[in-house]
Amino acid sequence: MRDLFIRTGTVVVCLFAFASLGFSQSTPEELIGNVLKALRTKDRQTLQNLTIAESDVKKFVWPTVASNMAGGNMNGDKFASMYKKSSDVGVDEDLEKFGGRKWQLVKVAVDEPKKQTKGYRLLPAPMVTVRDDSGAEKTVRLVGGILEQGGTFKVATYYVSPTQK
């Protein structure tokens, strides 16, 4: 019984630490708000921390696109590596275009999921409306997709394809 209590306590402490570091966004607005904060301070590490793990890419994203890649030599591992590289390109683009700006989040418009199951939703690039210090509003795409799993939202990728822009 004592071991169970210690293990349960350890899990609770880890979950609390995870949430307190800002990695437990319960809405798309909270997630995008954290992306904007990281962009404001040009905090690449936080932007990376807001992104899904490689294992999530293989578990949730790869099955969604695998059927479109029939006949190729692509597998989940190769795809996850390529996916991370393209997301890193998206981080670079976001930092170049939006880094250092003090924007206030006005609205996040999320379309219907690309894929949805009982356990997760893979959402396309949301339209994000922001307001600058002068009051001017602008609508942009800061991320290329969002993954919601168990009520927690994370950036699926920062890469925004030309067709999404």
N, C-alpha and C. Protein backbone atom coordinates (compact mmCIF):
# COMPACT_ATOMS: atom_id res chain seq x y z
N MET A 1 0.82 -1.20 0.00
CA MET A 1 0.00 0.00 0.00
C MET A 1 0.87 1.27 0.00
N ARG A 2 1.95 1.20 0.80
CA ARG A 2 2.86 2.34 0.87
C ARG A 2 3.47 2.62 -0.50
N ASP A 3 3.88 1.57 -1.24
CA ASP A 3 4.45 1.74 -2.57
C ASP A 3 3.46 2.37 -3.53
N LEU A 4 2.21 1.96 -3.45
CA LEU A 4 1.18 2.54 -4.30
C LEU A 4 1.02 4.02 -4.01
N PHE A 5 1.03 4.38 -2.73
CA PHE A 5 0.91 5.78 -2.34
C PHE A 5 2.08 6.60 -2.88
N ILE A 6 3.29 6.05 -2.77
CA ILE A 6 4.48 6.76 -3.25
C ILE A 6 4.42 6.93 -4.76
N ARG A 7 4.06 5.85 -5.50
CA ARG A 7 3.98 5.94 -6.96
C ARG A 7 2.89 6.92 -7.39
N THR A 8 1.74 6.87 -6.72
CA THR A 8 0.64 7.80 -7.05
C THR A 8 1.07 9.23 -6.79
N GLY A 9 1.76 9.45 -5.67
CA GLY A 9 2.25 10.79 -5.34
C GLY A 9 3.24 11.29 -6.36
N THR A 10 4.11 10.40 -6.82
CA THR A 10 5.09 10.77 -7.83
C THR A 10 4.41 11.18 -9.13
N VAL A 11 3.40 10.41 -9.54
CA VAL A 11 2.66 10.73 -10.76
C VAL A 11 1.97 12.08 -10.62
N VAL A 12 1.35 12.33 -9.47
CA VAL A 12 0.65 13.60 -9.26
C VAL A 12 1.64 14.76 -9.30
N VAL A 13 2.80 14.60 -8.66
CA VAL A 13 3.81 15.66 -8.68
C VAL A 13 4.30 15.92 -10.10
N CYS A 14 4.54 14.85 -10.88
CA CYS A 14 4.98 15.01 -12.27
C CYS A 14 3.92 15.71 -13.10
N LEU A 15 2.66 15.33 -12.92
CA LEU A 15 1.58 15.97 -13.66
C LEU A 15 1.46 17.44 -13.28
N PHE A 16 1.60 17.74 -11.98
CA PHE A 16 1.53 19.12 -11.53
C PHE A 16 2.68 19.93 -12.13
N ALA A 17 3.88 19.35 -12.12
CA ALA A 17 5.03 20.05 -12.69
C ALA A 17 4.82 20.29 -14.17
N PHE A 18 4.32 19.29 -14.89
CA PHE A 18 4.05 19.41 -16.32
C PHE A 18 3.07 20.55 -16.57
N ALA A 19 1.97 20.59 -15.80
CA ALA A 19 0.95 21.62 -15.98
C ALA A 19 1.49 22.99 -15.59
N SER A 20 2.27 23.07 -14.52
CA SER A 20 2.75 24.37 -14.05
C SER A 20 3.77 24.98 -14.99
N LEU A 21 4.43 24.16 -15.81
CA LEU A 21 5.37 24.69 -16.79
C LEU A 21 4.67 25.22 -18.03
N GLY A 22 3.34 25.14 -18.07
CA GLY A 22 2.60 25.69 -19.19
C GLY A 22 2.39 24.73 -20.33
N PHE A 23 2.53 23.43 -20.07
CA PHE A 23 2.42 22.46 -21.14
C PHE A 23 1.06 21.77 -21.16
N SER A 24 0.12 22.27 -20.42
CA SER A 24 -1.19 21.62 -20.36
C SER A 24 -2.26 22.62 -20.77
N GLN A 25 -2.35 22.88 -22.05
CA GLN A 25 -3.32 23.84 -22.56
C GLN A 25 -4.66 23.14 -22.74
N SER A 26 -5.70 23.70 -22.15
CA SER A 26 -7.01 23.04 -22.21
C SER A 26 -7.91 23.59 -23.31
N THR A 27 -7.44 24.60 -24.05
CA THR A 27 -8.20 25.15 -25.18
C THR A 27 -7.23 25.57 -26.28
N PRO A 28 -7.70 25.64 -27.51
CA PRO A 28 -6.83 26.17 -28.57
C PRO A 28 -6.37 27.60 -28.28
N GLU A 29 -7.24 28.39 -27.66
CA GLU A 29 -6.90 29.78 -27.33
C GLU A 29 -5.74 29.84 -26.33
N GLU A 30 -5.76 28.96 -25.34
CA GLU A 30 -4.67 28.93 -24.36
C GLU A 30 -3.36 28.52 -25.03
N LEU A 31 -3.43 27.53 -25.91
CA LEU A 31 -2.25 27.08 -26.64
C LEU A 31 -1.67 28.22 -27.49
N ILE A 32 -2.51 28.83 -28.30
CA ILE A 32 -2.04 29.90 -29.19
C ILE A 32 -1.57 31.10 -28.37
N GLY A 33 -2.20 31.37 -27.24
CA GLY A 33 -1.72 32.43 -26.35
C GLY A 33 -0.30 32.16 -25.89
N ASN A 34 0.00 30.91 -25.57
CA ASN A 34 1.35 30.53 -25.15
C ASN A 34 2.34 30.62 -26.32
N VAL A 35 1.88 30.28 -27.53
CA VAL A 35 2.72 30.44 -28.72
C VAL A 35 3.06 31.92 -28.90
N LEU A 36 2.08 32.79 -28.77
CA LEU A 36 2.31 34.23 -28.92
C LEU A 36 3.29 34.75 -27.88
N LYS A 37 3.17 34.28 -26.64
CA LYS A 37 4.11 34.69 -25.58
C LYS A 37 5.53 34.27 -25.93
N ALA A 38 5.69 33.04 -26.40
CA ALA A 38 7.02 32.54 -26.77
C ALA A 38 7.57 33.31 -27.96
N LEU A 39 6.72 33.64 -28.92
CA LEU A 39 7.18 34.43 -30.06
C LEU A 39 7.59 35.83 -29.62
N ARG A 40 6.83 36.40 -28.70
CA ARG A 40 7.15 37.76 -28.22
C ARG A 40 8.57 37.81 -27.65
N THR A 41 8.95 36.76 -26.90
CA THR A 41 10.27 36.74 -26.28
C THR A 41 11.30 35.96 -27.11
N LYS A 42 10.88 35.53 -28.30
CA LYS A 42 11.73 34.74 -29.21
C LYS A 42 12.29 33.51 -28.51
N ASP A 43 11.42 32.83 -27.78
CA ASP A 43 11.78 31.67 -26.97
C ASP A 43 11.57 30.37 -27.76
N ARG A 44 12.58 29.99 -28.50
CA ARG A 44 12.52 28.79 -29.34
C ARG A 44 12.24 27.53 -28.50
N GLN A 45 12.84 27.43 -27.32
CA GLN A 45 12.66 26.23 -26.50
C GLN A 45 11.20 26.05 -26.09
N THR A 46 10.55 27.12 -25.71
CA THR A 46 9.13 27.02 -25.34
C THR A 46 8.29 26.65 -26.56
N LEU A 47 8.60 27.23 -27.70
CA LEU A 47 7.88 26.85 -28.92
C LEU A 47 8.02 25.35 -29.17
N GLN A 48 9.23 24.82 -28.99
CA GLN A 48 9.44 23.37 -29.17
C GLN A 48 8.66 22.57 -28.12
N ASN A 49 8.63 23.07 -26.88
CA ASN A 49 7.93 22.36 -25.80
C ASN A 49 6.42 22.32 -26.01
N LEU A 50 5.90 23.27 -26.77
CA LEU A 50 4.47 23.31 -27.06
C LEU A 50 4.08 22.37 -28.19
N THR A 51 5.08 21.70 -28.78
CA THR A 51 4.88 20.82 -29.93
C THR A 51 4.75 19.38 -29.47
N ILE A 52 3.99 18.59 -30.23
CA ILE A 52 3.84 17.18 -29.91
C ILE A 52 5.17 16.45 -30.03
N ALA A 53 5.29 15.35 -29.31
CA ALA A 53 6.50 14.52 -29.33
C ALA A 53 6.54 13.67 -30.60
N GLU A 54 7.71 13.16 -30.93
CA GLU A 54 7.88 12.30 -32.10
C GLU A 54 6.95 11.08 -32.00
N SER A 55 6.80 10.54 -30.80
CA SER A 55 5.91 9.37 -30.64
C SER A 55 4.46 9.73 -30.98
N ASP A 56 4.07 10.97 -30.69
CA ASP A 56 2.71 11.41 -31.05
C ASP A 56 2.56 11.58 -32.55
N VAL A 57 3.63 12.03 -33.21
CA VAL A 57 3.59 12.14 -34.68
C VAL A 57 3.33 10.76 -35.27
N LYS A 58 4.07 9.77 -34.79
CA LYS A 58 3.92 8.41 -35.31
C LYS A 58 2.55 7.82 -34.96
N LYS A 59 2.04 8.14 -33.80
CA LYS A 59 0.78 7.55 -33.34
C LYS A 59 -0.46 8.23 -33.95
N PHE A 60 -0.41 9.56 -34.10
CA PHE A 60 -1.61 10.28 -34.51
C PHE A 60 -1.55 10.87 -35.92
N VAL A 61 -0.41 11.40 -36.32
CA VAL A 61 -0.31 12.08 -37.62
C VAL A 61 -0.01 11.07 -38.73
N TRP A 62 0.97 10.22 -38.53
CA TRP A 62 1.37 9.27 -39.57
C TRP A 62 0.19 8.44 -40.08
N PRO A 63 -0.64 7.85 -39.22
CA PRO A 63 -1.76 7.07 -39.76
C PRO A 63 -2.72 7.88 -40.62
N THR A 64 -2.81 9.17 -40.37
CA THR A 64 -3.70 10.03 -41.13
C THR A 64 -3.20 10.23 -42.55
N VAL A 65 -1.88 10.28 -42.73
CA VAL A 65 -1.32 10.54 -44.05
C VAL A 65 -0.77 9.29 -44.73
N ALA A 66 -0.60 8.21 -44.00
CA ALA A 66 0.03 7.00 -44.55
C ALA A 66 -0.70 6.47 -45.77
N SER A 67 -2.02 6.52 -45.76
CA SER A 67 -2.77 5.98 -46.90
C SER A 67 -2.51 6.76 -48.18
N ASN A 68 -2.13 8.03 -48.06
CA ASN A 68 -1.80 8.86 -49.23
C ASN A 68 -0.40 8.59 -49.75
N MET A 69 0.39 7.82 -49.01
CA MET A 69 1.77 7.56 -49.39
C MET A 69 1.98 6.11 -49.79
N ALA A 70 0.94 5.46 -50.26
CA ALA A 70 1.03 4.05 -50.65
C ALA A 70 2.04 3.89 -51.78
N GLY A 71 2.79 2.80 -51.70
CA GLY A 71 3.74 2.50 -52.76
C GLY A 71 5.11 3.12 -52.56
N GLY A 72 5.25 4.03 -51.61
CA GLY A 72 6.55 4.65 -51.36
C GLY A 72 7.34 3.87 -50.33
N ASN A 73 8.52 4.37 -50.04
CA ASN A 73 9.34 3.71 -49.03
C ASN A 73 9.29 4.45 -47.70
N MET A 74 8.23 5.18 -47.48
CA MET A 74 8.06 5.96 -46.26
C MET A 74 7.49 5.06 -45.16
N ASN A 75 8.00 5.25 -43.94
CA ASN A 75 7.43 4.58 -42.78
C ASN A 75 7.26 5.62 -41.67
N GLY A 76 6.74 5.20 -40.55
CA GLY A 76 6.46 6.14 -39.45
C GLY A 76 7.71 6.85 -38.94
N ASP A 77 8.82 6.14 -38.84
CA ASP A 77 10.06 6.76 -38.35
C ASP A 77 10.59 7.81 -39.32
N LYS A 78 10.64 7.48 -40.61
CA LYS A 78 11.11 8.44 -41.62
C LYS A 78 10.18 9.64 -41.68
N PHE A 79 8.88 9.36 -41.63
CA PHE A 79 7.90 10.45 -41.68
C PHE A 79 8.07 11.38 -40.48
N ALA A 80 8.23 10.82 -39.27
CA ALA A 80 8.37 11.64 -38.07
C ALA A 80 9.60 12.53 -38.15
N SER A 81 10.69 12.01 -38.70
CA SER A 81 11.91 12.80 -38.85
C SER A 81 11.68 13.96 -39.83
N MET A 82 11.07 13.65 -40.96
CA MET A 82 10.77 14.67 -41.96
C MET A 82 9.79 15.70 -41.40
N TYR A 83 8.80 15.23 -40.66
CA TYR A 83 7.78 16.08 -40.06
C TYR A 83 8.41 17.07 -39.08
N LYS A 84 9.35 16.59 -38.26
CA LYS A 84 10.03 17.46 -37.29
C LYS A 84 10.84 18.52 -38.01
N LYS A 85 11.54 18.13 -39.07
CA LYS A 85 12.34 19.10 -39.82
C LYS A 85 11.46 20.19 -40.41
N SER A 86 10.31 19.81 -40.96
CA SER A 86 9.43 20.83 -41.54
C SER A 86 8.83 21.72 -40.44
N SER A 87 8.55 21.14 -39.28
CA SER A 87 8.04 21.95 -38.17
C SER A 87 9.12 22.94 -37.70
N ASP A 88 10.37 22.50 -37.68
CA ASP A 88 11.47 23.41 -37.31
C ASP A 88 11.58 24.56 -38.30
N VAL A 89 11.35 24.28 -39.59
CA VAL A 89 11.33 25.35 -40.59
C VAL A 89 10.20 26.34 -40.26
N GLY A 90 9.06 25.81 -39.86
CA GLY A 90 7.94 26.66 -39.47
C GLY A 90 8.26 27.52 -38.26
N VAL A 91 8.98 26.97 -37.28
CA VAL A 91 9.41 27.76 -36.12
C VAL A 91 10.30 28.90 -36.58
N ASP A 92 11.26 28.60 -37.45
CA ASP A 92 12.15 29.65 -37.98
C ASP A 92 11.35 30.75 -38.68
N GLU A 93 10.39 30.34 -39.51
CA GLU A 93 9.56 31.32 -40.23
C GLU A 93 8.74 32.17 -39.26
N ASP A 94 8.15 31.53 -38.24
CA ASP A 94 7.36 32.28 -37.25
C ASP A 94 8.23 33.27 -36.48
N LEU A 95 9.42 32.82 -36.08
CA LEU A 95 10.31 33.72 -35.34
C LEU A 95 10.74 34.90 -36.21
N GLU A 96 10.98 34.64 -37.49
CA GLU A 96 11.37 35.72 -38.39
C GLU A 96 10.23 36.71 -38.62
N LYS A 97 9.03 36.20 -38.86
CA LYS A 97 7.89 37.06 -39.19
C LYS A 97 7.21 37.68 -37.96
N PHE A 98 7.15 36.91 -36.86
CA PHE A 98 6.34 37.33 -35.72
C PHE A 98 7.13 37.53 -34.43
N GLY A 99 8.40 37.15 -34.42
CA GLY A 99 9.20 37.24 -33.20
C GLY A 99 9.36 38.67 -32.72
N GLY A 100 9.26 38.87 -31.41
CA GLY A 100 9.43 40.17 -30.80
C GLY A 100 8.20 41.06 -30.82
N ARG A 101 7.15 40.63 -31.47
CA ARG A 101 5.93 41.45 -31.55
C ARG A 101 5.04 41.25 -30.33
N LYS A 102 4.45 42.32 -29.88
CA LYS A 102 3.54 42.27 -28.72
C LYS A 102 2.10 42.30 -29.22
N TRP A 103 1.59 41.11 -29.45
CA TRP A 103 0.22 40.99 -29.94
C TRP A 103 -0.68 40.47 -28.84
N GLN A 104 -1.90 40.97 -28.89
CA GLN A 104 -2.94 40.47 -27.99
C GLN A 104 -3.81 39.52 -28.80
N LEU A 105 -4.08 38.36 -28.24
CA LEU A 105 -4.92 37.38 -28.93
C LEU A 105 -6.37 37.84 -28.90
N VAL A 106 -6.98 37.89 -30.08
CA VAL A 106 -8.39 38.27 -30.20
C VAL A 106 -9.26 37.04 -30.37
N LYS A 107 -8.85 36.16 -31.31
CA LYS A 107 -9.70 35.01 -31.62
C LYS A 107 -8.88 33.92 -32.29
N VAL A 108 -9.29 32.66 -32.01
CA VAL A 108 -8.72 31.51 -32.69
C VAL A 108 -9.88 30.77 -33.35
N ALA A 109 -9.86 30.68 -34.67
CA ALA A 109 -10.91 29.99 -35.41
C ALA A 109 -10.37 28.65 -35.90
N VAL A 110 -10.94 27.57 -35.38
CA VAL A 110 -10.49 26.23 -35.71
C VAL A 110 -11.55 25.55 -36.58
N ASP A 111 -11.10 24.99 -37.71
CA ASP A 111 -12.01 24.26 -38.60
C ASP A 111 -12.26 22.85 -38.07
N GLU A 112 -13.09 22.14 -38.81
CA GLU A 112 -13.39 20.74 -38.46
C GLU A 112 -12.12 19.91 -38.45
N PRO A 113 -12.05 18.91 -37.58
CA PRO A 113 -10.84 18.07 -37.51
C PRO A 113 -10.54 17.36 -38.82
N LYS A 114 -9.24 17.19 -39.11
CA LYS A 114 -8.81 16.38 -40.24
C LYS A 114 -9.06 14.92 -39.92
N LYS A 115 -8.93 14.59 -38.64
CA LYS A 115 -9.16 13.23 -38.17
C LYS A 115 -9.64 13.33 -36.74
N GLN A 116 -10.61 12.49 -36.41
CA GLN A 116 -11.14 12.47 -35.06
C GLN A 116 -11.49 11.05 -34.68
N THR A 117 -11.05 10.65 -33.51
CA THR A 117 -11.43 9.36 -32.95
C THR A 117 -11.89 9.61 -31.52
N LYS A 118 -12.19 8.55 -30.83
CA LYS A 118 -12.62 8.69 -29.44
C LYS A 118 -11.53 9.31 -28.57
N GLY A 119 -10.24 9.07 -28.93
CA GLY A 119 -9.15 9.51 -28.08
C GLY A 119 -8.45 10.80 -28.48
N TYR A 120 -8.65 11.27 -29.71
CA TYR A 120 -7.93 12.47 -30.13
C TYR A 120 -8.61 13.14 -31.31
N ARG A 121 -8.19 14.41 -31.54
CA ARG A 121 -8.61 15.16 -32.73
C ARG A 121 -7.37 15.81 -33.32
N LEU A 122 -7.20 15.68 -34.62
CA LEU A 122 -6.13 16.34 -35.33
C LEU A 122 -6.77 17.49 -36.10
N LEU A 123 -6.46 18.72 -35.68
CA LEU A 123 -7.11 19.92 -36.22
C LEU A 123 -6.20 20.62 -37.22
N PRO A 124 -6.78 21.18 -38.28
CA PRO A 124 -5.97 21.91 -39.27
C PRO A 124 -5.49 23.25 -38.71
N ALA A 125 -4.68 23.93 -39.49
CA ALA A 125 -4.13 25.23 -39.10
C ALA A 125 -5.26 26.22 -38.76
N PRO A 126 -5.28 26.73 -37.54
CA PRO A 126 -6.33 27.69 -37.18
C PRO A 126 -6.02 29.09 -37.70
N MET A 127 -7.07 29.84 -37.93
CA MET A 127 -6.92 31.26 -38.25
C MET A 127 -6.85 32.00 -36.92
N VAL A 128 -5.79 32.78 -36.73
CA VAL A 128 -5.55 33.47 -35.47
C VAL A 128 -5.65 34.97 -35.71
N THR A 129 -6.56 35.61 -35.00
CA THR A 129 -6.70 37.06 -35.10
C THR A 129 -6.01 37.68 -33.89
N VAL A 130 -5.10 38.62 -34.18
CA VAL A 130 -4.33 39.30 -33.14
C VAL A 130 -4.49 40.81 -33.30
N ARG A 131 -4.22 41.51 -32.21
CA ARG A 131 -4.30 42.98 -32.21
C ARG A 131 -2.96 43.52 -31.72
N ASP A 132 -2.43 44.53 -32.43
CA ASP A 132 -1.17 45.14 -32.00
C ASP A 132 -1.45 46.31 -31.07
N ASP A 133 -0.39 46.96 -30.61
CA ASP A 133 -0.52 48.06 -29.65
C ASP A 133 -1.35 49.22 -30.17
N SER A 134 -1.38 49.41 -31.49
CA SER A 134 -2.13 50.53 -32.06
C SER A 134 -3.61 50.19 -32.22
N GLY A 135 -3.97 48.91 -31.96
CA GLY A 135 -5.36 48.49 -32.09
C GLY A 135 -5.68 47.84 -33.43
N ALA A 136 -4.70 47.82 -34.32
CA ALA A 136 -4.90 47.19 -35.63
C ALA A 136 -4.94 45.68 -35.48
N GLU A 137 -5.91 45.06 -36.16
CA GLU A 137 -6.05 43.61 -36.12
C GLU A 137 -5.52 42.98 -37.39
N LYS A 138 -5.02 41.77 -37.22
CA LYS A 138 -4.46 41.01 -38.34
C LYS A 138 -4.82 39.55 -38.11
N THR A 139 -5.13 38.83 -39.19
CA THR A 139 -5.41 37.40 -39.10
C THR A 139 -4.28 36.64 -39.77
N VAL A 140 -3.71 35.70 -39.02
CA VAL A 140 -2.54 34.95 -39.49
C VAL A 140 -2.70 33.47 -39.13
N ARG A 141 -1.83 32.66 -39.70
CA ARG A 141 -1.72 31.25 -39.31
C ARG A 141 -0.34 31.09 -38.68
N LEU A 142 -0.31 30.85 -37.38
CA LEU A 142 0.95 30.71 -36.66
C LEU A 142 1.42 29.27 -36.62
N VAL A 143 0.48 28.33 -36.71
CA VAL A 143 0.81 26.91 -36.65
C VAL A 143 0.11 26.19 -37.79
N GLY A 144 0.65 25.04 -38.17
CA GLY A 144 0.08 24.27 -39.27
C GLY A 144 -0.93 23.24 -38.84
N GLY A 145 -1.08 23.04 -37.54
CA GLY A 145 -2.05 22.08 -37.04
C GLY A 145 -1.97 21.96 -35.53
N ILE A 146 -3.03 21.42 -34.95
CA ILE A 146 -3.13 21.23 -33.50
C ILE A 146 -3.60 19.82 -33.23
N LEU A 147 -3.05 19.21 -32.19
CA LEU A 147 -3.50 17.90 -31.74
C LEU A 147 -4.16 18.08 -30.38
N GLU A 148 -5.39 17.59 -30.25
CA GLU A 148 -6.07 17.57 -28.96
C GLU A 148 -6.20 16.13 -28.54
N GLN A 149 -5.67 15.83 -27.37
CA GLN A 149 -5.78 14.48 -26.83
C GLN A 149 -6.09 14.59 -25.35
N GLY A 150 -7.20 13.97 -24.96
CA GLY A 150 -7.57 13.96 -23.55
C GLY A 150 -7.78 15.34 -22.97
N GLY A 151 -8.26 16.27 -23.77
CA GLY A 151 -8.52 17.62 -23.27
C GLY A 151 -7.31 18.53 -23.24
N THR A 152 -6.17 18.07 -23.74
CA THR A 152 -4.96 18.88 -23.80
C THR A 152 -4.61 19.16 -25.25
N PHE A 153 -4.27 20.42 -25.53
CA PHE A 153 -3.95 20.85 -26.89
C PHE A 153 -2.46 21.13 -27.00
N LYS A 154 -1.86 20.65 -28.10
CA LYS A 154 -0.46 20.93 -28.41
C LYS A 154 -0.35 21.24 -29.90
N VAL A 155 0.71 21.94 -30.26
CA VAL A 155 0.97 22.23 -31.66
C VAL A 155 1.37 20.93 -32.34
N ALA A 156 0.69 20.57 -33.43
CA ALA A 156 1.06 19.39 -34.20
C ALA A 156 2.27 19.70 -35.06
N THR A 157 2.28 20.87 -35.68
CA THR A 157 3.41 21.34 -36.48
C THR A 157 3.33 22.85 -36.60
N TYR A 158 4.50 23.48 -36.72
CA TYR A 158 4.53 24.92 -36.98
C TYR A 158 4.55 25.20 -38.47
N TYR A 159 4.83 24.19 -39.26
CA TYR A 159 4.91 24.42 -40.70
C TYR A 159 3.51 24.69 -41.26
N VAL A 160 3.37 25.82 -41.91
CA VAL A 160 2.13 26.19 -42.56
C VAL A 160 2.38 26.08 -44.06
N SER A 161 1.71 25.13 -44.69
CA SER A 161 1.95 24.91 -46.12
C SER A 161 1.45 26.11 -46.93
N PRO A 162 2.02 26.33 -48.11
CA PRO A 162 1.60 27.45 -48.94
C PRO A 162 0.09 27.45 -49.23
N THR A 163 -0.51 26.27 -49.30
CA THR A 163 -1.96 26.21 -49.56
C THR A 163 -2.78 26.65 -48.35
N GLN A 164 -2.18 26.65 -47.15
CA GLN A 164 -2.88 27.09 -45.94
C GLN A 164 -2.73 28.58 -45.71
N LYS A 165 -1.70 29.18 -46.28
CA LYS A 165 -1.42 30.59 -46.02
C LYS A 165 -2.40 31.42 -46.73
